[in-house]
Amino acid sequence: MKTNLLDGMVIFSLVVAKGSFTQAAQASGHSTSYISKEVNKLEERLGLRLLNRTTRSISLTPEGELYFQTCENVMDEVHQVEQQLAGYQHEPQGHLKVSCPVSFGLSRIRPILADYMNLNPKVSVELELDDRKVDLVAGGYDVVIRASNQLEDSSLISRKIMSSRGVIIASPAYLKQYGTPLHPSELSQHKTIAYSLAKNESAWRFEHMSGEEVSVKISSHLTTNSGEMDLALCIAGQGITRIPYFNLEKELERGEVVELFSDFKPWQIDVFLVYPSRKHMSSKVRSFIDYMAAAFA
């Protein structure tokens, strides 16, 4: 494709519309010599004379007439697209692609998303539930929801919408069979369930309220890449696990699981909305970010 395909089109059309190089120069804020040079360059590139010039007037050649009509059609289509895009900036509409961790999406985003879509009927949402760390730009996502104690993508924009904590849990049936560990160091003698997508799952770190730090090497009895499966296996008595508190519904209240090591400081887990840029943000993206932030606030 020629990179200079549209060069001179607007200037040429303006000259024809205004009827002279001088009037076109005044309308565009350029000098008359600049306008003349741009039209000459266009004619040289096309290998055709588009305008007949006299000292007092200009007129279109047959080729110029054809080219002028084409220019008008092209610029009219561009103008219509710009108006359509301007509408996107005023009213949220179009396709919105979002990625979210599975458990967080099912437990927290599902009811909020339904309300958002009711308020924004012209937005079609593609929600991908995936616990893996997706590539926001390469995957074509508008917004990615991530839960982490620290984000690594410094080139992206993030907005924290909530904070939670990590908990160590086990089922009453497991504790009855294998005993209740009173100190994290005892975990090496217990069955544990590991979340394979988490960092440093081979070593769990703890900090006591007194400031004591403990790092325990974990040899997991079970490993899964699903937060839901992690919790289900724990409830089934298959081992001790650590998960974000927001993945729990009422399992603690119902006594299906028991929290361990409450005398140790919980580690913080933040949930972020991550997106490529603050500049030229479409209304669909802005409305989704603002709605989610307000809902969690």
C-alpha atoms as a PDB file:
ATOM      1  CA  MET A   1       0.000   0.000   0.000  1.00  0.00           C
ATOM      2  CA  LYS A   2       1.244   3.477  -0.873  1.00  0.00           C
ATOM      3  CA  THR A   3       1.910   5.468   2.276  1.00  0.00           C
ATOM      4  CA  ASN A   4       1.278   8.765   0.439  1.00  0.00           C
ATOM      5  CA  LEU A   5      -2.033   7.657  -1.077  1.00  0.00           C
ATOM      6  CA  LEU A   6      -4.078  10.424   0.577  1.00  0.00           C
ATOM      7  CA  ASP A   7      -1.458  13.181   0.491  1.00  0.00           C
ATOM      8  CA  GLY A   8      -2.833  16.420  -0.930  1.00  0.00           C
ATOM      9  CA  MET A   9      -6.431  15.216  -1.075  1.00  0.00           C
ATOM     10  CA  VAL A  10      -7.794  17.611   1.548  1.00  0.00           C
ATOM     11  CA  ILE A  11      -5.878  20.623   0.182  1.00  0.00           C
ATOM     12  CA  PHE A  12      -6.989  19.889  -3.377  1.00  0.00           C
ATOM     13  CA  SER A  13     -10.635  19.550  -2.320  1.00  0.00           C
ATOM     14  CA  LEU A  14     -10.422  22.788  -0.352  1.00  0.00           C
ATOM     15  CA  VAL A  15      -9.035  24.652  -3.384  1.00  0.00           C
ATOM     16  CA  VAL A  16     -11.910  23.405  -5.536  1.00  0.00           C
ATOM     17  CA  ALA A  17     -14.501  24.200  -2.868  1.00  0.00           C
ATOM     18  CA  LYS A  18     -13.172  27.727  -2.279  1.00  0.00           C
ATOM     19  CA  GLY A  19     -12.525  28.455  -5.950  1.00  0.00           C
ATOM     20  CA  SER A  20      -8.987  29.782  -5.549  1.00  0.00           C
ATOM     21  CA  PHE A  21      -5.610  29.102  -3.983  1.00  0.00           C
ATOM     22  CA  THR A  22      -5.837  32.323  -1.991  1.00  0.00           C
ATOM     23  CA  GLN A  23      -9.206  31.488  -0.440  1.00  0.00           C
ATOM     24  CA  ALA A  24      -8.023  27.956   0.365  1.00  0.00           C
ATOM     25  CA  ALA A  25      -4.908  29.384   2.026  1.00  0.00           C
ATOM     26  CA  GLN A  26      -6.989  31.701   4.217  1.00  0.00           C
ATOM     27  CA  ALA A  27      -9.390  28.914   5.179  1.00  0.00           C
ATOM     28  CA  SER A  28      -6.618  26.460   6.103  1.00  0.00           C
ATOM     29  CA  GLY A  29      -4.196  28.881   7.741  1.00  0.00           C
ATOM     30  CA  HIS A  30      -1.424  28.065   5.259  1.00  0.00           C
ATOM     31  CA  SER A  31       0.343  30.295   2.792  1.00  0.00           C
ATOM     32  CA  THR A  32      -0.750  30.465  -0.847  1.00  0.00           C
ATOM     33  CA  SER A  33       2.618  29.090  -1.945  1.00  0.00           C
ATOM     34  CA  TYR A  34       2.171  26.073   0.337  1.00  0.00           C
ATOM     35  CA  ILE A  35      -1.273  25.364  -1.142  1.00  0.00           C
ATOM     36  CA  SER A  36       0.097  25.641  -4.671  1.00  0.00           C
ATOM     37  CA  LYS A  37       3.030  23.324  -3.918  1.00  0.00           C
ATOM     38  CA  GLU A  38       0.738  20.674  -2.399  1.00  0.00           C
ATOM     39  CA  VAL A  39      -1.513  20.649  -5.489  1.00  0.00           C
ATOM     40  CA  ASN A  40       1.529  20.507  -7.786  1.00  0.00           C
ATOM     41  CA  LYS A  41       2.948  17.555  -5.821  1.00  0.00           C
ATOM     42  CA  LEU A  42      -0.415  15.777  -6.086  1.00  0.00           C
ATOM     43  CA  GLU A  43      -0.550  16.265  -9.852  1.00  0.00           C
ATOM     44  CA  GLU A  44       3.040  15.068 -10.245  1.00  0.00           C
ATOM     45  CA  ARG A  45       2.306  11.938  -8.202  1.00  0.00           C
ATOM     46  CA  LEU A  46      -0.817  11.163 -10.248  1.00  0.00           C
ATOM     47  CA  GLY A  47       0.815  12.132 -13.542  1.00  0.00           C
ATOM     48  CA  LEU A  48      -2.286  14.155 -14.430  1.00  0.00           C
ATOM     49  CA  ARG A  49      -3.362  17.781 -14.545  1.00  0.00           C
ATOM     50  CA  LEU A  50      -6.288  18.227 -12.191  1.00  0.00           C
ATOM     51  CA  LEU A  51      -6.753  21.999 -12.425  1.00  0.00           C
ATOM     52  CA  ASN A  52      -6.670  24.497 -15.258  1.00  0.00           C
ATOM     53  CA  ARG A  53      -5.193  27.716 -13.900  1.00  0.00           C
ATOM     54  CA  THR A  54      -5.438  31.290 -15.125  1.00  0.00           C
ATOM     55  CA  THR A  55      -4.419  34.481 -13.355  1.00  0.00           C
ATOM     56  CA  ARG A  56      -8.029  35.030 -12.286  1.00  0.00           C
ATOM     57  CA  SER A  57      -9.631  31.608 -11.905  1.00  0.00           C
ATOM     58  CA  ILE A  58      -9.254  27.849 -11.745  1.00  0.00           C
ATOM     59  CA  SER A  59     -11.319  25.078 -13.268  1.00  0.00           C
ATOM     60  CA  LEU A  60     -11.324  21.308 -13.066  1.00  0.00           C
ATOM     61  CA  THR A  61     -10.059  19.134 -15.876  1.00  0.00           C
ATOM     62  CA  PRO A  62     -12.168  16.029 -16.650  1.00  0.00           C
ATOM     63  CA  GLU A  63      -9.653  13.985 -14.653  1.00  0.00           C
ATOM     64  CA  GLY A  64      -9.788  16.567 -11.873  1.00  0.00           C
ATOM     65  CA  GLU A  65     -13.586  16.343 -11.777  1.00  0.00           C
ATOM     66  CA  LEU A  66     -13.427  12.570 -11.315  1.00  0.00           C
ATOM     67  CA  TYR A  67     -10.746  12.854  -8.643  1.00  0.00           C
ATOM     68  CA  PHE A  68     -12.633  15.610  -6.812  1.00  0.00           C
ATOM     69  CA  GLN A  69     -15.806  13.512  -6.618  1.00  0.00           C
ATOM     70  CA  THR A  70     -13.789  10.606  -5.243  1.00  0.00           C
ATOM     71  CA  CYS A  71     -12.159  12.886  -2.668  1.00  0.00           C
ATOM     72  CA  GLU A  72     -15.556  14.137  -1.555  1.00  0.00           C
ATOM     73  CA  ASN A  73     -16.842  10.591  -1.116  1.00  0.00           C
ATOM     74  CA  VAL A  74     -13.781   9.511   0.871  1.00  0.00           C
ATOM     75  CA  MET A  75     -13.876  12.550   3.149  1.00  0.00           C
ATOM     76  CA  ASP A  76     -17.612  12.167   3.664  1.00  0.00           C
ATOM     77  CA  GLU A  77     -17.104   8.562   4.827  1.00  0.00           C
ATOM     78  CA  VAL A  78     -14.296   9.640   7.146  1.00  0.00           C
ATOM     79  CA  HIS A  79     -16.545  12.358   8.570  1.00  0.00           C
ATOM     80  CA  GLN A  80     -19.298   9.818   9.222  1.00  0.00           C
ATOM     81  CA  VAL A  81     -16.865   7.500  11.000  1.00  0.00           C
ATOM     82  CA  GLU A  82     -15.637  10.382  13.168  1.00  0.00           C
ATOM     83  CA  GLN A  83     -19.220  11.209  14.118  1.00  0.00           C
ATOM     84  CA  GLN A  84     -19.821   7.564  14.987  1.00  0.00           C
ATOM     85  CA  LEU A  85     -16.682   7.445  17.119  1.00  0.00           C
ATOM     86  CA  ALA A  86     -17.716  10.670  18.824  1.00  0.00           C
ATOM     87  CA  GLY A  87     -20.941   8.908  19.735  1.00  0.00           C
ATOM     88  CA  TYR A  88     -18.897   6.148  21.355  1.00  0.00           C
ATOM     89  CA  GLN A  89     -17.328   8.784  23.561  1.00  0.00           C
ATOM     90  CA  HIS A  90     -20.699  10.049  24.776  1.00  0.00           C
ATOM     91  CA  GLU A  91     -22.669   6.834  25.205  1.00  0.00           C
ATOM     92  CA  PRO A  92     -21.024   3.522  26.123  1.00  0.00           C
ATOM     93  CA  GLN A  93     -21.385   1.144  23.202  1.00  0.00           C
ATOM     94  CA  GLY A  94     -19.484  -1.516  21.312  1.00  0.00           C
ATOM     95  CA  HIS A  95     -17.611  -4.684  22.236  1.00  0.00           C
ATOM     96  CA  LEU A  96     -15.843  -4.840  25.622  1.00  0.00           C
ATOM     97  CA  LYS A  97     -13.363  -7.665  26.259  1.00  0.00           C
ATOM     98  CA  VAL A  98     -12.532  -8.416  29.903  1.00  0.00           C
ATOM     99  CA  SER A  99     -10.410 -11.075  31.626  1.00  0.00           C
ATOM    100  CA  CYS A 100     -10.978 -12.052  35.244  1.00  0.00           C
ATOM    101  CA  PRO A 101      -9.844 -14.825  37.649  1.00  0.00           C
ATOM    102  CA  VAL A 102     -12.414 -17.615  37.764  1.00  0.00           C
ATOM    103  CA  SER A 103     -13.359 -17.627  41.449  1.00  0.00           C
ATOM    104  CA  PHE A 104     -13.387 -13.840  41.741  1.00  0.00           C
ATOM    105  CA  GLY A 105     -15.527 -13.567  38.631  1.00  0.00           C
ATOM    106  CA  LEU A 106     -18.102 -16.069  39.877  1.00  0.00           C
ATOM    107  CA  SER A 107     -18.271 -14.810  43.443  1.00  0.00           C
ATOM    108  CA  ARG A 108     -17.847 -11.039  43.014  1.00  0.00           C
ATOM    109  CA  ILE A 109     -18.159  -9.882  39.400  1.00  0.00           C
ATOM    110  CA  ARG A 110     -21.216 -11.895  38.316  1.00  0.00           C
ATOM    111  CA  PRO A 111     -23.917  -9.836  40.103  1.00  0.00           C
ATOM    112  CA  ILE A 112     -22.181  -6.525  39.397  1.00  0.00           C
ATOM    113  CA  LEU A 113     -21.742  -7.301  35.701  1.00  0.00           C
ATOM    114  CA  ALA A 114     -25.456  -7.975  35.292  1.00  0.00           C
ATOM    115  CA  ASP A 115     -26.276  -4.533  36.716  1.00  0.00           C
ATOM    116  CA  TYR A 116     -23.656  -2.865  34.495  1.00  0.00           C
ATOM    117  CA  MET A 117     -25.114  -4.431  31.361  1.00  0.00           C
ATOM    118  CA  ASN A 118     -28.640  -3.406  32.337  1.00  0.00           C
ATOM    119  CA  LEU A 119     -27.432   0.186  32.596  1.00  0.00           C
ATOM    120  CA  ASN A 120     -25.417   0.001  29.358  1.00  0.00           C
ATOM    121  CA  PRO A 121     -27.515  -2.017  26.878  1.00  0.00           C
ATOM    122  CA  LYS A 122     -25.398  -0.962  23.868  1.00  0.00           C
ATOM    123  CA  VAL A 123     -22.260  -2.590  25.296  1.00  0.00           C
ATOM    124  CA  SER A 124     -21.638  -6.256  24.474  1.00  0.00           C
ATOM    125  CA  VAL A 125     -19.312  -7.858  27.014  1.00  0.00           C
ATOM    126  CA  GLU A 126     -16.931 -10.740  26.362  1.00  0.00           C
ATOM    127  CA  LEU A 127     -15.878 -11.961  29.816  1.00  0.00           C
ATOM    128  CA  GLU A 128     -13.124 -14.566  29.912  1.00  0.00           C
ATOM    129  CA  LEU A 129     -12.673 -16.330  33.242  1.00  0.00           C
ATOM    130  CA  ASP A 130      -9.046 -17.412  33.433  1.00  0.00           C
ATOM    131  CA  ASP A 131      -6.722 -17.756  36.414  1.00  0.00           C
ATOM    132  CA  ARG A 132      -3.651 -17.403  34.207  1.00  0.00           C
ATOM    133  CA  LYS A 133      -1.910 -14.070  33.747  1.00  0.00           C
ATOM    134  CA  VAL A 134      -3.067 -13.033  30.279  1.00  0.00           C
ATOM    135  CA  ASP A 135      -1.302 -10.576  27.969  1.00  0.00           C
ATOM    136  CA  LEU A 136      -3.584  -7.559  27.958  1.00  0.00           C
ATOM    137  CA  VAL A 137      -2.315  -5.992  24.737  1.00  0.00           C
ATOM    138  CA  ALA A 138      -1.618  -9.121  22.676  1.00  0.00           C
ATOM    139  CA  GLY A 139      -4.939 -10.655  23.753  1.00  0.00           C
ATOM    140  CA  GLY A 140      -6.912  -7.576  22.738  1.00  0.00           C
ATOM    141  CA  TYR A 141      -8.398  -7.044  26.195  1.00  0.00           C
ATOM    142  CA  ASP A 142      -9.912  -3.712  27.174  1.00  0.00           C
ATOM    143  CA  VAL A 143      -9.667  -4.415  30.907  1.00  0.00           C
ATOM    144  CA  VAL A 144      -8.023  -7.184  32.913  1.00  0.00           C
ATOM    145  CA  ILE A 145      -8.887  -7.884  36.559  1.00  0.00           C
ATOM    146  CA  ARG A 146      -5.920  -9.117  38.573  1.00  0.00           C
ATOM    147  CA  ALA A 147      -5.500 -10.157  42.180  1.00  0.00           C
ATOM    148  CA  SER A 148      -1.968  -9.759  43.497  1.00  0.00           C
ATOM    149  CA  ASN A 149       0.095  -8.287  46.292  1.00  0.00           C
ATOM    150  CA  GLN A 150       2.175  -6.497  43.652  1.00  0.00           C
ATOM    151  CA  LEU A 151       1.667  -5.807  39.942  1.00  0.00           C
ATOM    152  CA  GLU A 152       4.608  -6.217  37.596  1.00  0.00           C
ATOM    153  CA  ASP A 153       3.407  -4.484  34.414  1.00  0.00           C
ATOM    154  CA  SER A 154       4.695  -0.969  35.058  1.00  0.00           C
ATOM    155  CA  SER A 155       3.783   0.146  31.510  1.00  0.00           C
ATOM    156  CA  LEU A 156       0.081  -0.485  32.152  1.00  0.00           C
ATOM    157  CA  ILE A 157      -2.396   1.585  34.160  1.00  0.00           C
ATOM    158  CA  SER A 158      -3.989   0.006  37.230  1.00  0.00           C
ATOM    159  CA  ARG A 159      -6.771   0.999  39.597  1.00  0.00           C
ATOM    160  CA  LYS A 160      -7.228  -0.815  42.887  1.00  0.00           C
ATOM    161  CA  ILE A 161     -10.842  -1.702  43.581  1.00  0.00           C
ATOM    162  CA  MET A 162     -10.528  -3.745  46.768  1.00  0.00           C
ATOM    163  CA  SER A 163      -8.134  -5.287  49.282  1.00  0.00           C
ATOM    164  CA  SER A 164      -8.433  -8.696  50.858  1.00  0.00           C
ATOM    165  CA  ARG A 165      -6.218 -11.080  52.809  1.00  0.00           C
ATOM    166  CA  GLY A 166      -4.869 -14.552  52.430  1.00  0.00           C
ATOM    167  CA  VAL A 167      -6.061 -17.267  54.827  1.00  0.00           C
ATOM    168  CA  ILE A 168      -4.754 -20.695  55.760  1.00  0.00           C
ATOM    169  CA  ILE A 169      -7.655 -23.128  56.096  1.00  0.00           C
ATOM    170  CA  ALA A 170      -8.428 -26.794  56.692  1.00  0.00           C
ATOM    171  CA  SER A 171     -11.612 -28.790  57.111  1.00  0.00           C
ATOM    172  CA  PRO A 172     -12.719 -30.053  60.552  1.00  0.00           C
ATOM    173  CA  ALA A 173     -12.553 -33.606  59.191  1.00  0.00           C
ATOM    174  CA  TYR A 174      -8.921 -33.186  58.197  1.00  0.00           C
ATOM    175  CA  LEU A 175      -7.960 -31.653  61.549  1.00  0.00           C
ATOM    176  CA  LYS A 176      -9.756 -34.449  63.398  1.00  0.00           C
ATOM    177  CA  GLN A 177      -7.816 -37.075  61.466  1.00  0.00           C
ATOM    178  CA  TYR A 178      -4.366 -35.458  61.337  1.00  0.00           C
ATOM    179  CA  GLY A 179      -4.415 -32.950  64.202  1.00  0.00           C
ATOM    180  CA  THR A 180      -4.357 -29.166  64.250  1.00  0.00           C
ATOM    181  CA  PRO A 181      -0.983 -27.506  63.576  1.00  0.00           C
ATOM    182  CA  LEU A 182      -0.312 -24.735  66.093  1.00  0.00           C
ATOM    183  CA  HIS A 183       2.712 -23.246  64.332  1.00  0.00           C
ATOM    184  CA  PRO A 184       3.457 -22.858  60.591  1.00  0.00           C
ATOM    185  CA  SER A 185       6.631 -24.920  60.987  1.00  0.00           C
ATOM    186  CA  GLU A 186       4.383 -27.958  61.551  1.00  0.00           C
ATOM    187  CA  LEU A 187       3.007 -27.703  57.998  1.00  0.00           C
ATOM    188  CA  SER A 188       5.910 -29.785  56.698  1.00  0.00           C
ATOM    189  CA  GLN A 189       4.328 -32.720  58.561  1.00  0.00           C
ATOM    190  CA  HIS A 190       0.881 -32.185  57.006  1.00  0.00           C
ATOM    191  CA  LYS A 191      -0.822 -32.683  53.665  1.00  0.00           C
ATOM    192  CA  THR A 192      -1.087 -29.414  51.768  1.00  0.00           C
ATOM    193  CA  ILE A 193      -2.875 -28.323  48.606  1.00  0.00           C
ATOM    194  CA  ALA A 194      -0.971 -25.962  46.315  1.00  0.00           C
ATOM    195  CA  TYR A 195      -2.299 -23.476  43.763  1.00  0.00           C
ATOM    196  CA  SER A 196       0.015 -23.979  40.793  1.00  0.00           C
ATOM    197  CA  LEU A 197      -0.420 -20.472  39.336  1.00  0.00           C
ATOM    198  CA  ALA A 198       0.718 -18.730  42.530  1.00  0.00           C
ATOM    199  CA  LYS A 199       4.292 -17.627  43.071  1.00  0.00           C
ATOM    200  CA  ASN A 200       6.536 -19.410  45.561  1.00  0.00           C
ATOM    201  CA  GLU A 201       4.096 -22.229  46.288  1.00  0.00           C
ATOM    202  CA  SER A 202       7.054 -24.356  47.403  1.00  0.00           C
ATOM    203  CA  ALA A 203       7.652 -22.011  50.363  1.00  0.00           C
ATOM    204  CA  TRP A 204       4.946 -20.375  52.484  1.00  0.00           C
ATOM    205  CA  ARG A 205       6.046 -17.315  54.416  1.00  0.00           C
ATOM    206  CA  PHE A 206       4.533 -16.134  57.697  1.00  0.00           C
ATOM    207  CA  GLU A 207       5.048 -13.174  60.010  1.00  0.00           C
ATOM    208  CA  HIS A 208       4.003 -13.426  63.666  1.00  0.00           C
ATOM    209  CA  MET A 209       2.366 -10.493  65.416  1.00  0.00           C
ATOM    210  CA  SER A 210       5.583 -10.230  67.440  1.00  0.00           C
ATOM    211  CA  GLY A 211       7.635  -9.758  64.249  1.00  0.00           C
ATOM    212  CA  GLU A 212       8.960 -13.316  63.966  1.00  0.00           C
ATOM    213  CA  GLU A 213       9.284 -14.421  60.332  1.00  0.00           C
ATOM    214  CA  VAL A 214       8.888 -18.042  59.327  1.00  0.00           C
ATOM    215  CA  SER A 215       9.405 -19.679  55.916  1.00  0.00           C
ATOM    216  CA  VAL A 216       8.126 -23.224  55.574  1.00  0.00           C
ATOM    217  CA  LYS A 217       9.038 -25.533  52.699  1.00  0.00           C
ATOM    218  CA  ILE A 218       5.914 -27.176  51.332  1.00  0.00           C
ATOM    219  CA  SER A 219       5.738 -30.528  49.587  1.00  0.00           C
ATOM    220  CA  SER A 220       2.193 -30.492  48.334  1.00  0.00           C
ATOM    221  CA  HIS A 221      -0.001 -33.561  48.446  1.00  0.00           C
ATOM    222  CA  LEU A 222      -2.200 -32.035  45.716  1.00  0.00           C
ATOM    223  CA  THR A 223      -1.641 -29.283  43.148  1.00  0.00           C
ATOM    224  CA  THR A 224      -4.324 -27.562  41.080  1.00  0.00           C
ATOM    225  CA  ASN A 225      -4.601 -24.502  38.840  1.00  0.00           C
ATOM    226  CA  SER A 226      -8.192 -23.845  39.939  1.00  0.00           C
ATOM    227  CA  GLY A 227      -9.086 -21.803  42.990  1.00  0.00           C
ATOM    228  CA  GLU A 228     -12.501 -23.452  43.111  1.00  0.00           C
ATOM    229  CA  MET A 229     -11.002 -26.933  43.038  1.00  0.00           C
ATOM    230  CA  ASP A 230      -8.479 -25.882  45.680  1.00  0.00           C
ATOM    231  CA  LEU A 231     -11.290 -24.924  48.059  1.00  0.00           C
ATOM    232  CA  ALA A 232     -13.399 -27.973  47.215  1.00  0.00           C
ATOM    233  CA  LEU A 233     -10.510 -30.348  47.910  1.00  0.00           C
ATOM    234  CA  CYS A 234      -9.821 -28.603  51.194  1.00  0.00           C
ATOM    235  CA  ILE A 235     -13.473 -28.952  52.280  1.00  0.00           C
ATOM    236  CA  ALA A 236     -13.287 -32.622  51.296  1.00  0.00           C
ATOM    237  CA  GLY A 237     -10.511 -33.110  53.835  1.00  0.00           C
ATOM    238  CA  GLN A 238      -7.641 -33.532  51.371  1.00  0.00           C
ATOM    239  CA  GLY A 239      -5.290 -31.085  53.023  1.00  0.00           C
ATOM    240  CA  ILE A 240      -4.453 -27.593  54.273  1.00  0.00           C
ATOM    241  CA  THR A 241      -4.440 -24.776  51.753  1.00  0.00           C
ATOM    242  CA  ARG A 242      -4.044 -21.017  51.515  1.00  0.00           C
ATOM    243  CA  ILE A 243      -6.443 -18.955  49.429  1.00  0.00           C
ATOM    244  CA  PRO A 244      -7.658 -15.354  49.170  1.00  0.00           C
ATOM    245  CA  TYR A 245     -10.450 -14.576  51.605  1.00  0.00           C
ATOM    246  CA  PHE A 246     -12.609 -13.228  48.757  1.00  0.00           C
ATOM    247  CA  ASN A 247     -12.770 -16.767  47.318  1.00  0.00           C
ATOM    248  CA  LEU A 248     -14.743 -17.821  50.394  1.00  0.00           C
ATOM    249  CA  GLU A 249     -18.495 -17.365  50.505  1.00  0.00           C
ATOM    250  CA  LYS A 250     -19.844 -18.644  53.840  1.00  0.00           C
ATOM    251  CA  GLU A 251     -17.643 -21.703  54.248  1.00  0.00           C
ATOM    252  CA  LEU A 252     -16.047 -20.263  57.397  1.00  0.00           C
ATOM    253  CA  GLU A 253     -19.398 -19.247  58.889  1.00  0.00           C
ATOM    254  CA  ARG A 254     -20.906 -22.658  58.165  1.00  0.00           C
ATOM    255  CA  GLY A 255     -17.894 -24.363  59.706  1.00  0.00           C
ATOM    256  CA  GLU A 256     -16.936 -26.204  56.522  1.00  0.00           C
ATOM    257  CA  VAL A 257     -13.389 -24.905  56.967  1.00  0.00           C
ATOM    258  CA  VAL A 258     -11.379 -23.554  59.902  1.00  0.00           C
ATOM    259  CA  GLU A 259      -8.859 -20.733  59.714  1.00  0.00           C
ATOM    260  CA  LEU A 260      -5.405 -21.572  61.090  1.00  0.00           C
ATOM    261  CA  PHE A 261      -2.599 -19.458  62.563  1.00  0.00           C
ATOM    262  CA  SER A 262      -4.723 -16.455  63.500  1.00  0.00           C
ATOM    263  CA  ASP A 263      -1.844 -15.201  65.668  1.00  0.00           C
ATOM    264  CA  PHE A 264       0.157 -14.576  62.496  1.00  0.00           C
ATOM    265  CA  LYS A 265      -0.300 -11.504  60.308  1.00  0.00           C
ATOM    266  CA  PRO A 266      -2.452 -12.074  57.232  1.00  0.00           C
ATOM    267  CA  TRP A 267      -0.801 -11.138  53.932  1.00  0.00           C
ATOM    268  CA  GLN A 268      -2.582  -8.561  51.827  1.00  0.00           C
ATOM    269  CA  ILE A 269      -4.037  -9.348  48.405  1.00  0.00           C
ATOM    270  CA  ASP A 270      -5.220  -6.426  46.279  1.00  0.00           C
ATOM    271  CA  VAL A 271      -7.555  -6.573  43.305  1.00  0.00           C
ATOM    272  CA  PHE A 272      -6.816  -4.248  40.388  1.00  0.00           C
ATOM    273  CA  LEU A 273      -8.452  -3.180  37.159  1.00  0.00           C
ATOM    274  CA  VAL A 274      -5.628  -3.066  34.613  1.00  0.00           C
ATOM    275  CA  TYR A 275      -5.902  -1.289  31.243  1.00  0.00           C
ATOM    276  CA  PRO A 276      -3.517   0.042  28.583  1.00  0.00           C
ATOM    277  CA  SER A 277      -3.798   3.820  28.935  1.00  0.00           C
ATOM    278  CA  ARG A 278      -5.715   6.720  30.450  1.00  0.00           C
ATOM    279  CA  LYS A 279      -5.507   8.699  27.184  1.00  0.00           C
ATOM    280  CA  HIS A 280      -8.300   8.538  24.595  1.00  0.00           C
ATOM    281  CA  MET A 281     -10.229   6.011  26.659  1.00  0.00           C
ATOM    282  CA  SER A 282     -13.521   4.998  25.077  1.00  0.00           C
ATOM    283  CA  SER A 283     -16.695   5.528  27.061  1.00  0.00           C
ATOM    284  CA  LYS A 284     -17.347   1.767  27.244  1.00  0.00           C
ATOM    285  CA  VAL A 285     -14.011   1.210  29.006  1.00  0.00           C
ATOM    286  CA  ARG A 286     -14.347   4.263  31.233  1.00  0.00           C
ATOM    287  CA  SER A 287     -17.901   3.363  32.230  1.00  0.00           C
ATOM    288  CA  PHE A 288     -16.885  -0.223  33.103  1.00  0.00           C
ATOM    289  CA  ILE A 289     -13.910   0.893  35.204  1.00  0.00           C
ATOM    290  CA  ASP A 290     -15.880   3.571  37.032  1.00  0.00           C
ATOM    291  CA  TYR A 291     -18.832   1.263  37.658  1.00  0.00           C
ATOM    292  CA  MET A 292     -16.675  -1.536  39.052  1.00  0.00           C
ATOM    293  CA  ALA A 293     -14.713   0.856  41.255  1.00  0.00           C
ATOM    294  CA  ALA A 294     -17.918   2.381  42.628  1.00  0.00           C
ATOM    295  CA  ALA A 295     -19.512  -1.026  43.207  1.00  0.00           C
ATOM    296  CA  PHE A 296     -16.566  -2.315  45.247  1.00  0.00           C
ATOM    297  CA  ALA A 297     -16.141   0.957  47.087  1.00  0.00           C
END
